[in-house]
Amino acid sequence: MRRIYLLCAFIYLSLGIFAQDLINPDFESLDENRSPKFWKPNSQPFNFLSDSSVKISGNYSMLIQDKGLGGYGAFSQRIDYNTDQIRKFRLSGYMKTEEVSEGFAGLWLTVYAGEKVLFFDNMGNQAVNGTHDWTKYEVEFYVDETVSNIVIGGLMAGKGKAWFDDYHLEEILFKRKPPKDSITQYLNEVVEILRVHSLMRDSVDFDKLLSMAKIMAAEAQNPPDVYPIIRYMLNRLGDNHSFLLEAERAKAWANTSTGDEGKPVEIPQARGEIIQNDFGYITMPGLGSGDPKTLTDFADSLQNLIRRLDKEKPKAWIVDLRNNTGGNCWPMLAGIGPVMGEGVSGYFIDVEGNKTSWGYKKGSSRSAKSKVTRVTGKPYKLSQKNVPVAVLTGPSTASSGEIVTVSFRERPNTRSFGQPTQGLSTGNRQFRLSDGSSLFLTSSVYADRTEHLYGHKIAPDEIIDFSAEEVGGESDPVIEAAIDWLSKQ
């Protein structure tokens, strides 16, 4: 990263202080294991390699390659940083993908104020998958006087390969002046939504937040220029779940069945089998889509899977949510409904205590009395009623995956196994903004059938240690524990 020099012109903000620059941003310097120096990989089951045959420049790039075991792989580098004023930065880097499926790849950026996250972006909302040649990606973000460090890296979730090269971090200097009237109006629109509907509304000074946003928006010319500011405001809420989907991404999210140039976006589907002749096993992935056709297809596929497995007359079921990273809960509930059972299975409870039920009935997921996603044709009913069910969870079980987790809580003859969930057991409500983008704002907390509140990590009934390599394998200790309990029912 180029070194940033202090500018004396009074119209610009003075600069903060990096304790260090981004080191080895082009991945050219290797350690004794021939891995890029200063970049730390996570412990997930992925290969992290320097690659001399595929690069945008120089001699090497960073390659993440899956081992066919699911989960995600990420590498990162931490930069200590402090400042006394609001600042704007741009992270850029090149990425190339090959047959990325059941997930996505992206640059990764997290800004911390101590242990609190000020800003987070892993390009999950861009859903870069499939095969793409080298493309430059950029993430703009703001920091304030509370910042302590910035973590920069890259990741790939699912299957395939992703290469990364030529990272660059630079400050974008901006003037202190009132924003354009249209930008002020747009900021007011956003802040009013936060002020009225945020779950954290009673703990945030929205007048101060709006004032800070106007400083950041001094040179903004249109709504896309304001997107990094909106992300900053969402992170200041502290709910760790709210996010912004830009106008183009919101449009793509709502049209996954057609996709770019009429090609449908690949959507992961539930898989299953009969285990030990007695147990129906289903693993349900996350689903990031708002397209009604995609949602119906997902629910149909899941119910068809249940119908096929139920022909073998399993005496119990295992619902594996350990790779369910969230997305849209309604097709999940509609699809798993025959196993979950009909009726109310949980509640969204807002900051004022108002509750909205969710559940399943006659082939449809329900929000209060409204049908949301419905399977086509005749809904399936299990051959046996009130069968025992084991639910498997882990740290990747998040958001809508946690809705399904809560839906099985207090269900008769049900027990959960594995590790605590990620802790995003809060409800996001969609608000469409005037430019076509969408705010997904955390506005409620999950509660189970007995109205027990969550809003945090959900611990299973039995804690079972497992590694990502073991998930769904022949010696999966969580499945073994589930079968042991189911066999006694």
Protein backbone atom coordinates (compact mmCIF):
# COMPACT_ATOMS: atom_id res chain seq x y z
CA MET A 1 0.00 0.00 0.00
CA ARG A 2 1.34 3.41 -0.87
CA ARG A 3 2.31 5.47 2.16
CA ILE A 4 -0.15 8.23 2.99
CA TYR A 5 1.36 11.68 3.56
CA LEU A 6 0.01 14.46 5.68
CA LEU A 7 -1.66 17.27 3.75
CA CYS A 8 -1.71 20.75 5.21
CA ALA A 9 -4.57 22.21 3.19
CA PHE A 10 -7.25 23.19 5.69
CA ILE A 11 -10.12 21.98 3.51
CA TYR A 12 -9.10 18.35 4.08
CA LEU A 13 -9.22 16.28 7.21
CA SER A 14 -5.87 15.57 8.83
CA LEU A 15 -4.69 12.00 8.56
CA GLY A 16 -4.82 9.18 11.06
CA ILE A 17 -1.92 6.95 11.92
CA PHE A 18 -1.31 3.41 10.68
CA ALA A 19 0.89 1.45 13.05
CA GLN A 20 1.88 -0.46 9.91
CA ASP A 21 1.10 -0.49 6.21
CA LEU A 22 -0.51 -3.42 4.45
CA ILE A 23 2.40 -5.83 4.14
CA ASN A 24 2.97 -8.04 1.11
CA PRO A 25 -0.19 -6.81 -0.68
CA ASP A 26 0.87 -8.48 -3.96
CA PHE A 27 1.63 -11.87 -2.30
CA GLU A 28 5.16 -11.88 -3.77
CA SER A 29 7.03 -12.60 -0.52
CA LEU A 30 6.84 -16.28 0.55
CA ASP A 31 7.74 -18.04 3.78
CA GLU A 32 9.61 -21.32 4.16
CA ASN A 33 6.39 -23.23 3.35
CA ARG A 34 6.00 -21.18 0.15
CA SER A 35 2.91 -19.47 1.51
CA PRO A 36 2.49 -15.67 1.24
CA LYS A 37 4.07 -13.99 4.25
CA PHE A 38 2.00 -11.97 6.75
CA TRP A 39 -1.32 -13.40 5.49
CA LYS A 40 -2.92 -15.71 8.03
CA PRO A 41 -5.33 -18.44 6.84
CA ASN A 42 -8.20 -19.65 9.01
CA SER A 43 -8.45 -23.23 10.21
CA GLN A 44 -11.23 -24.31 7.84
CA PRO A 45 -10.67 -27.29 5.49
CA PHE A 46 -9.33 -25.37 2.50
CA ASN A 47 -5.98 -25.19 0.76
CA PHE A 48 -4.18 -21.82 0.86
CA LEU A 49 -1.41 -21.70 -1.72
CA SER A 50 0.83 -19.31 -3.61
CA ASP A 51 0.26 -19.85 -7.32
CA SER A 52 2.91 -18.96 -9.89
CA SER A 53 0.86 -20.05 -12.90
CA VAL A 54 -2.18 -17.82 -12.33
CA LYS A 55 -1.58 -14.18 -11.38
CA ILE A 56 -2.51 -10.66 -12.47
CA SER A 57 1.06 -9.39 -12.14
CA GLY A 58 4.37 -10.31 -10.57
CA ASN A 59 5.24 -13.93 -9.84
CA TYR A 60 2.51 -15.15 -7.47
CA SER A 61 -1.10 -14.85 -6.40
CA MET A 62 -2.97 -16.25 -3.39
CA LEU A 63 -5.14 -19.29 -4.15
CA ILE A 64 -7.97 -20.67 -2.01
CA GLN A 65 -9.12 -24.15 -3.04
CA ASP A 66 -11.76 -26.29 -1.34
CA LYS A 67 -11.22 -29.88 -0.25
CA GLY A 68 -14.81 -30.92 -0.92
CA LEU A 69 -15.78 -30.65 2.75
CA GLY A 70 -17.95 -27.52 2.72
CA GLY A 71 -17.62 -24.46 4.95
CA TYR A 72 -15.44 -21.54 3.95
CA GLY A 73 -11.79 -20.61 3.70
CA ALA A 74 -10.38 -17.18 4.46
CA PHE A 75 -7.04 -15.42 4.87
CA SER A 76 -6.41 -12.08 6.52
CA GLN A 77 -3.98 -9.48 7.79
CA ARG A 78 -4.54 -7.05 10.66
CA ILE A 79 -3.50 -3.39 10.55
CA ASP A 80 -3.53 -1.33 13.74
CA TYR A 81 -4.97 2.13 13.15
CA ASN A 82 -6.17 5.13 15.12
CA THR A 83 -7.54 8.55 14.22
CA ASP A 84 -9.30 11.49 15.82
CA GLN A 85 -11.76 12.21 13.00
CA ILE A 86 -14.01 10.60 10.40
CA ARG A 87 -12.11 9.21 7.42
CA LYS A 88 -12.89 7.40 4.21
CA PHE A 89 -10.87 4.56 2.66
CA ARG A 90 -10.95 2.34 -0.37
CA LEU A 91 -9.79 -1.26 -0.42
CA SER A 92 -9.20 -2.69 -3.90
CA GLY A 93 -7.94 -6.01 -5.13
CA TYR A 94 -8.11 -8.41 -8.05
CA MET A 95 -9.94 -11.73 -7.92
CA LYS A 96 -10.39 -14.64 -10.33
CA THR A 97 -12.77 -17.57 -9.77
CA GLU A 98 -13.16 -21.06 -11.22
CA GLU A 99 -16.34 -23.12 -10.77
CA VAL A 100 -17.26 -21.58 -7.43
CA SER A 101 -20.56 -23.14 -6.34
CA GLU A 102 -22.68 -23.48 -3.21
CA GLY A 103 -21.25 -20.19 -1.99
CA PHE A 104 -19.24 -17.19 -3.20
CA ALA A 105 -15.82 -15.54 -3.18
CA GLY A 106 -14.88 -12.01 -2.22
CA LEU A 107 -12.54 -9.50 -0.67
CA TRP A 108 -12.98 -9.40 3.10
CA LEU A 109 -12.84 -6.31 5.30
CA THR A 110 -13.66 -5.78 8.98
CA VAL A 111 -13.11 -2.53 10.92
CA TYR A 112 -12.98 -2.87 14.70
CA ALA A 113 -13.42 -0.49 17.61
CA GLY A 114 -11.95 -2.76 20.26
CA GLU A 115 -14.14 -5.88 20.05
CA LYS A 116 -17.03 -4.05 18.38
CA VAL A 117 -17.41 -4.20 14.60
CA LEU A 118 -17.63 -0.76 12.97
CA PHE A 119 -17.79 -2.03 9.40
CA PHE A 120 -17.92 -5.43 7.72
CA ASP A 121 -18.03 -6.47 4.08
CA ASN A 122 -17.14 -9.84 2.55
CA MET A 123 -18.90 -9.20 -0.80
CA GLY A 124 -21.51 -11.78 0.15
CA ASN A 125 -24.20 -9.48 -1.21
CA GLN A 126 -22.46 -9.52 -4.62
CA ALA A 127 -22.60 -13.34 -4.73
CA VAL A 128 -19.56 -13.75 -7.00
CA ASN A 129 -19.60 -17.40 -8.06
CA GLY A 130 -19.09 -19.50 -11.16
CA THR A 131 -16.05 -18.82 -13.37
CA HIS A 132 -14.76 -15.28 -13.92
CA ASP A 133 -11.44 -13.94 -15.21
CA TRP A 134 -9.39 -11.42 -13.24
CA THR A 135 -11.65 -8.58 -12.11
CA LYS A 136 -10.84 -5.59 -9.94
CA TYR A 137 -13.17 -5.18 -6.95
CA GLU A 138 -13.40 -2.22 -4.58
CA VAL A 139 -14.89 -1.65 -1.14
CA GLU A 140 -15.22 1.86 0.27
CA PHE A 141 -15.66 2.39 3.99
CA TYR A 142 -15.51 4.96 6.79
CA VAL A 143 -13.84 4.93 10.19
CA ASP A 144 -14.27 7.25 13.15
CA GLU A 145 -12.39 8.10 16.34
CA THR A 146 -13.29 4.76 17.94
CA VAL A 147 -11.40 2.63 15.38
CA SER A 148 -8.62 0.37 16.71
CA ASN A 149 -7.71 -1.94 13.83
CA ILE A 150 -8.65 -3.02 10.32
CA VAL A 151 -8.63 -6.66 9.17
CA ILE A 152 -8.22 -7.21 5.43
CA GLY A 153 -8.29 -10.45 3.49
CA GLY A 154 -10.20 -12.69 1.11
CA LEU A 155 -12.49 -15.67 1.37
CA MET A 156 -14.28 -18.39 -0.53
CA ALA A 157 -17.34 -20.28 0.71
CA GLY A 158 -18.50 -23.53 -0.88
CA LYS A 159 -16.66 -25.33 -3.65
CA GLY A 160 -14.21 -24.27 -6.35
CA LYS A 161 -11.13 -22.07 -6.61
CA ALA A 162 -10.51 -18.36 -6.07
CA TRP A 163 -7.31 -16.40 -6.72
CA PHE A 164 -6.45 -13.01 -5.18
CA ASP A 165 -3.77 -10.50 -6.15
CA ASP A 166 -2.57 -6.86 -5.92
CA TYR A 167 -4.41 -5.52 -2.88
CA HIS A 168 -4.34 -1.77 -2.30
CA LEU A 169 -5.58 0.37 0.61
CA GLU A 170 -5.81 4.13 0.23
CA GLU A 171 -7.45 7.04 1.96
CA ILE A 172 -9.98 9.12 0.02
CA LEU A 173 -9.76 12.72 1.12
CA PHE A 174 -12.95 14.74 1.24
CA LYS A 175 -14.05 18.30 2.00
CA ARG A 176 -16.14 19.50 4.93
CA LYS A 177 -19.22 21.10 3.44
CA PRO A 178 -22.99 20.52 3.51
CA PRO A 179 -24.13 17.77 1.14
CA LYS A 180 -26.44 18.38 -1.80
CA ASP A 181 -30.14 18.75 -0.95
CA SER A 182 -30.98 15.47 -2.70
CA ILE A 183 -28.32 13.65 -0.68
CA THR A 184 -29.57 15.21 2.57
CA GLN A 185 -33.07 14.04 1.70
CA TYR A 186 -31.79 10.52 1.00
CA LEU A 187 -29.91 10.42 4.33
CA ASN A 188 -33.02 11.64 6.14
CA GLU A 189 -35.00 8.84 4.50
CA VAL A 190 -32.56 6.22 5.76
CA VAL A 191 -32.17 7.61 9.28
CA GLU A 192 -35.93 7.89 9.75
CA ILE A 193 -36.30 4.18 8.97
CA LEU A 194 -33.57 3.37 11.50
CA ARG A 195 -35.06 5.69 14.11
CA VAL A 196 -38.52 4.10 13.90
CA HIS A 197 -37.84 0.43 13.19
CA SER A 198 -34.38 -0.54 14.48
CA LEU A 199 -34.28 -3.06 17.30
CA MET A 200 -31.48 -0.92 18.79
CA ARG A 201 -33.31 2.40 18.42
CA ASP A 202 -33.31 3.19 22.13
CA SER A 203 -29.52 2.96 22.40
CA VAL A 204 -28.53 5.18 19.45
CA ASP A 205 -28.32 8.99 19.20
CA PHE A 206 -29.79 9.32 15.71
CA ASP A 207 -29.35 13.10 15.54
CA LYS A 208 -25.62 12.66 16.10
CA LEU A 209 -25.51 9.75 13.65
CA LEU A 210 -27.21 11.88 10.99
CA SER A 211 -24.78 14.75 11.59
CA MET A 212 -21.81 12.41 11.14
CA ALA A 213 -23.38 10.97 7.99
CA LYS A 214 -23.73 14.45 6.50
CA ILE A 215 -20.03 15.11 7.10
CA MET A 216 -19.19 11.90 5.27
CA ALA A 217 -21.56 12.75 2.41
CA ALA A 218 -20.05 16.18 1.67
CA GLU A 219 -19.02 15.25 -1.86
CA ALA A 220 -21.66 12.61 -2.60
CA GLN A 221 -23.37 13.16 -5.95
CA ASN A 222 -25.87 10.28 -6.00
CA PRO A 223 -27.21 7.46 -3.78
CA PRO A 224 -24.42 4.97 -4.67
CA ASP A 225 -21.93 7.47 -3.23
CA VAL A 226 -23.87 7.18 0.04
CA TYR A 227 -23.85 3.38 0.27
CA PRO A 228 -20.61 3.19 2.33
CA ILE A 229 -22.14 5.76 4.71
CA ILE A 230 -25.30 3.69 5.11
CA ARG A 231 -23.16 0.66 5.93
CA TYR A 232 -21.30 2.73 8.51
CA MET A 233 -24.62 3.76 10.12
CA LEU A 234 -25.91 0.19 10.14
CA ASN A 235 -22.78 -1.01 11.88
CA ARG A 236 -23.11 1.76 14.45
CA LEU A 237 -26.47 0.25 15.42
CA GLY A 238 -24.57 -2.67 16.90
CA ASP A 239 -27.07 -5.39 16.00
CA ASN A 240 -24.47 -7.22 13.82
CA HIS A 241 -27.18 -8.34 11.40
CA SER A 242 -28.55 -5.37 9.42
CA PHE A 243 -27.21 -4.83 5.90
CA LEU A 244 -27.72 -2.87 2.69
CA LEU A 245 -28.38 -4.37 -0.72
CA GLU A 246 -27.52 -1.83 -3.42
CA ALA A 247 -30.05 -1.18 -6.18
CA GLU A 248 -28.42 -3.47 -8.75
CA ARG A 249 -27.87 -6.21 -6.19
CA ALA A 250 -31.42 -5.86 -4.89
CA LYS A 251 -32.69 -6.31 -8.44
CA ALA A 252 -30.50 -9.38 -8.95
CA TRP A 253 -31.57 -10.82 -5.56
CA ALA A 254 -35.21 -10.53 -6.63
CA ASN A 255 -34.57 -12.20 -10.00
CA THR A 256 -32.35 -15.23 -9.36
CA SER A 257 -34.54 -17.48 -11.54
CA THR A 258 -33.54 -15.50 -14.64
CA GLY A 259 -30.17 -14.07 -13.63
CA ASP A 260 -27.82 -12.22 -15.97
CA GLU A 261 -28.58 -12.66 -19.66
CA GLY A 262 -31.46 -15.00 -18.88
CA LYS A 263 -29.27 -17.61 -17.16
CA PRO A 264 -30.62 -18.75 -13.77
CA VAL A 265 -28.37 -18.31 -10.74
CA GLU A 266 -27.21 -21.63 -9.34
CA ILE A 267 -29.08 -22.23 -6.07
CA PRO A 268 -27.95 -24.90 -3.59
CA GLN A 269 -30.57 -27.49 -2.73
CA ALA A 270 -31.16 -29.74 0.27
CA ARG A 271 -29.69 -33.23 0.08
CA GLY A 272 -30.55 -36.37 1.98
CA GLU A 273 -30.35 -40.12 2.39
CA ILE A 274 -31.48 -42.97 4.60
CA ILE A 275 -28.90 -43.77 7.29
CA GLN A 276 -28.62 -47.23 8.86
CA ASN A 277 -31.96 -48.20 7.26
CA ASP A 278 -33.90 -46.34 9.94
CA PHE A 279 -33.17 -42.62 9.84
CA GLY A 280 -34.03 -39.98 7.27
CA TYR A 281 -31.10 -37.55 7.03
CA ILE A 282 -31.54 -34.08 5.48
CA THR A 283 -28.91 -31.37 5.19
CA MET A 284 -30.41 -27.96 4.39
CA PRO A 285 -28.20 -25.17 3.00
CA GLY A 286 -28.80 -21.44 3.12
CA LEU A 287 -30.68 -19.66 0.34
CA GLY A 288 -29.93 -16.07 -0.70
CA SER A 289 -32.82 -15.07 -2.93
CA GLY A 290 -36.02 -13.04 -3.01
CA ASP A 291 -37.25 -14.47 -6.32
CA PRO A 292 -40.67 -16.15 -5.83
CA LYS A 293 -39.90 -18.85 -8.42
CA THR A 294 -36.55 -19.68 -6.83
CA LEU A 295 -38.17 -19.84 -3.40
CA THR A 296 -40.92 -22.16 -4.62
CA ASP A 297 -38.39 -24.39 -6.43
CA PHE A 298 -36.35 -24.70 -3.23
CA ALA A 299 -39.43 -25.62 -1.16
CA ASP A 300 -40.64 -28.10 -3.82
CA SER A 301 -37.23 -29.75 -4.01
CA LEU A 302 -37.08 -30.15 -0.23
CA GLN A 303 -40.57 -31.61 0.07
CA ASN A 304 -39.87 -33.97 -2.86
CA LEU A 305 -36.72 -35.11 -1.06
CA ILE A 306 -38.74 -35.78 2.11
CA ARG A 307 -41.37 -37.65 0.05
CA ARG A 308 -38.71 -39.86 -1.51
CA LEU A 309 -36.98 -40.66 1.79
CA ASP A 310 -40.28 -41.28 3.58
CA LYS A 311 -41.04 -44.15 1.21
CA GLU A 312 -38.41 -46.08 3.17
CA LYS A 313 -40.49 -45.59 6.34
CA PRO A 314 -37.74 -44.06 8.52
CA LYS A 315 -38.56 -44.21 12.21
CA ALA A 316 -36.94 -40.82 12.88
CA TRP A 317 -35.40 -37.82 11.12
CA ILE A 318 -32.16 -35.84 11.33
CA VAL A 319 -32.22 -32.20 10.15
CA ASP A 320 -28.66 -30.95 9.66
CA LEU A 321 -28.37 -27.14 9.69
CA ARG A 322 -24.62 -26.91 10.26
CA ASN A 323 -24.00 -25.48 6.77
CA ASN A 324 -27.12 -23.30 6.71
CA THR A 325 -25.65 -19.80 6.67
CA GLY A 326 -29.03 -18.09 6.32
CA GLY A 327 -30.82 -16.13 3.64
CA ASN A 328 -34.56 -16.43 3.12
CA CYS A 329 -36.36 -18.45 5.78
CA TRP A 330 -39.75 -18.82 4.05
CA PRO A 331 -38.86 -21.55 1.51
CA MET A 332 -36.93 -23.36 4.25
CA LEU A 333 -39.99 -23.47 6.49
CA ALA A 334 -42.28 -24.44 3.60
CA GLY A 335 -39.94 -27.23 2.53
CA ILE A 336 -39.21 -28.73 5.94
CA GLY A 337 -42.84 -28.31 7.07
CA PRO A 338 -43.81 -32.01 6.87
CA VAL A 339 -41.07 -32.88 9.38
CA MET A 340 -41.45 -29.76 11.52
CA GLY A 341 -45.23 -30.12 11.78
CA GLU A 342 -48.11 -27.74 11.19
CA GLY A 343 -48.97 -24.68 13.26
CA VAL A 344 -47.03 -21.84 14.86
CA SER A 345 -43.36 -22.70 15.37
CA GLY A 346 -41.98 -19.33 16.52
CA TYR A 347 -42.35 -15.59 16.79
CA PHE A 348 -40.69 -12.33 15.77
CA ILE A 349 -40.89 -9.95 18.76
CA ASP A 350 -40.09 -6.29 18.16
CA VAL A 351 -38.72 -3.61 20.49
CA GLU A 352 -42.23 -2.73 21.70
CA GLY A 353 -43.09 -6.34 22.48
CA ASN A 354 -45.36 -6.84 19.47
CA LYS A 355 -45.21 -10.41 18.23
CA THR A 356 -45.70 -11.87 14.75
CA SER A 357 -45.92 -15.63 14.48
CA TRP A 358 -44.25 -17.81 11.89
CA GLY A 359 -44.92 -21.42 11.02
CA TYR A 360 -46.21 -23.91 8.46
CA LYS A 361 -49.67 -24.96 7.35
CA LYS A 362 -51.02 -26.85 4.34
CA GLY A 363 -47.89 -26.51 2.22
CA SER A 364 -47.21 -22.86 3.03
CA SER A 365 -44.84 -21.05 5.30
CA ARG A 366 -46.85 -18.49 7.27
CA SER A 367 -46.20 -15.05 8.71
CA ALA A 368 -49.09 -14.52 11.11
CA LYS A 369 -52.07 -15.56 8.96
CA SER A 370 -50.46 -14.69 5.63
CA LYS A 371 -49.09 -17.31 3.25
CA VAL A 372 -45.53 -16.56 2.15
CA THR A 373 -43.96 -19.43 0.18
CA ARG A 374 -46.13 -22.35 -0.93
CA VAL A 375 -45.16 -25.64 -2.56
CA THR A 376 -46.75 -26.44 -5.88
CA GLY A 377 -49.17 -29.34 -6.04
CA LYS A 378 -50.40 -31.29 -3.05
CA PRO A 379 -48.35 -30.76 0.14
CA TYR A 380 -46.69 -33.89 1.46
CA LYS A 381 -47.57 -35.45 4.81
CA LEU A 382 -45.28 -37.87 6.60
CA SER A 383 -46.44 -41.49 6.81
CA GLN A 384 -45.95 -41.32 10.59
CA LYS A 385 -47.06 -38.54 12.92
CA ASN A 386 -44.96 -36.98 15.68
CA VAL A 387 -41.78 -38.82 14.67
CA PRO A 388 -38.61 -38.13 16.68
CA VAL A 389 -36.37 -35.45 15.18
CA ALA A 390 -32.72 -34.58 15.89
CA VAL A 391 -31.57 -31.10 14.84
CA LEU A 392 -27.86 -30.47 14.22
CA THR A 393 -26.33 -27.01 14.56
CA GLY A 394 -22.93 -25.35 14.57
CA PRO A 395 -21.19 -21.95 14.33
CA SER A 396 -22.12 -21.62 10.64
CA THR A 397 -25.82 -21.96 11.42
CA ALA A 398 -26.94 -18.36 11.06
CA SER A 399 -29.91 -16.04 10.62
CA SER A 400 -32.60 -17.97 8.71
CA GLY A 401 -30.78 -21.16 9.67
CA GLU A 402 -31.41 -20.10 13.24
CA ILE A 403 -35.11 -19.53 12.47
CA VAL A 404 -35.32 -23.19 11.48
CA THR A 405 -33.39 -24.09 14.63
CA VAL A 406 -35.85 -22.16 16.80
CA SER A 407 -38.78 -23.69 14.90
CA PHE A 408 -37.87 -27.10 16.26
CA ARG A 409 -37.45 -25.85 19.82
CA GLU A 410 -40.21 -27.14 22.12
CA ARG A 411 -41.43 -29.47 19.39
CA PRO A 412 -42.36 -32.77 21.07
CA ASN A 413 -39.87 -35.62 20.75
CA THR A 414 -37.11 -33.35 19.46
CA ARG A 415 -33.52 -32.84 20.60
CA SER A 416 -30.61 -30.79 19.24
CA PHE A 417 -26.93 -31.69 18.95
CA GLY A 418 -23.65 -30.04 17.92
CA GLN A 419 -22.29 -26.59 18.71
CA PRO A 420 -23.96 -23.22 19.41
CA THR A 421 -25.20 -21.27 16.39
CA GLN A 422 -23.60 -18.08 15.05
CA GLY A 423 -25.80 -15.77 17.13
CA LEU A 424 -27.84 -13.90 14.51
CA SER A 425 -31.18 -15.02 15.95
CA THR A 426 -32.81 -11.68 15.13
CA GLY A 427 -35.28 -10.80 12.39
CA ASN A 428 -34.41 -8.54 9.46
CA ARG A 429 -37.18 -6.55 7.82
CA GLN A 430 -36.79 -5.30 4.24
CA PHE A 431 -37.24 -1.58 3.50
CA ARG A 432 -37.02 -0.46 -0.13
CA LEU A 433 -35.32 2.91 -0.55
CA SER A 434 -36.20 5.55 -3.14
CA ASP A 435 -33.28 4.63 -5.41
CA GLY A 436 -34.21 0.93 -5.61
CA SER A 437 -31.77 -0.34 -2.98
CA SER A 438 -33.00 -2.23 0.07
CA LEU A 439 -32.27 -1.99 3.76
CA PHE A 440 -32.51 -5.28 5.61
CA LEU A 441 -32.90 -3.87 9.11
CA THR A 442 -32.83 -5.89 12.31
CA SER A 443 -36.15 -5.09 13.93
CA SER A 444 -37.08 -8.13 16.02
CA VAL A 445 -35.80 -11.04 18.09
CA TYR A 446 -36.64 -14.70 17.54
CA ALA A 447 -38.77 -16.50 20.11
CA ASP A 448 -39.82 -20.16 20.17
CA ARG A 449 -43.30 -21.65 20.53
CA THR A 450 -43.33 -20.85 24.23
CA GLU A 451 -42.23 -17.24 23.49
CA HIS A 452 -38.80 -17.80 24.99
CA LEU A 453 -36.56 -15.07 23.53
CA TYR A 454 -33.22 -15.66 21.82
CA GLY A 455 -31.27 -12.89 20.04
CA HIS A 456 -27.94 -14.60 20.72
CA LYS A 457 -26.16 -17.87 20.06
CA ILE A 458 -28.47 -20.86 20.43
CA ALA A 459 -26.86 -23.73 22.30
CA PRO A 460 -27.99 -27.27 21.42
CA ASP A 461 -29.31 -29.68 24.03
CA GLU A 462 -26.12 -31.73 23.72
CA ILE A 463 -22.77 -30.07 23.01
CA ILE A 464 -20.73 -32.25 20.65
CA ASP A 465 -17.33 -31.17 19.35
CA PHE A 466 -16.83 -31.60 15.62
CA SER A 467 -14.61 -30.31 12.83
CA ALA A 468 -15.72 -29.05 9.45
CA GLU A 469 -14.03 -32.07 7.85
CA GLU A 470 -16.33 -34.41 9.80
CA VAL A 471 -19.65 -32.82 8.82
CA GLY A 472 -21.78 -35.39 7.00
CA GLY A 473 -18.95 -37.95 6.91
CA GLU A 474 -18.90 -41.58 7.95
CA SER A 475 -17.46 -40.75 11.38
CA ASP A 476 -19.43 -37.56 12.09
CA PRO A 477 -19.65 -37.48 15.92
CA VAL A 478 -22.75 -35.25 15.88
CA ILE A 479 -24.69 -37.64 13.64
CA GLU A 480 -23.54 -40.52 15.81
CA ALA A 481 -24.83 -38.79 18.95
CA ALA A 482 -28.14 -38.02 17.23
CA ILE A 483 -28.59 -41.63 16.11
CA ASP A 484 -27.78 -42.86 19.61
CA TRP A 485 -30.60 -40.74 21.04
CA LEU A 486 -33.06 -41.48 18.22
CA SER A 487 -32.48 -45.22 18.61
CA LYS A 488 -33.79 -45.04 22.17
CA GLN A 489 -37.03 -43.24 21.31
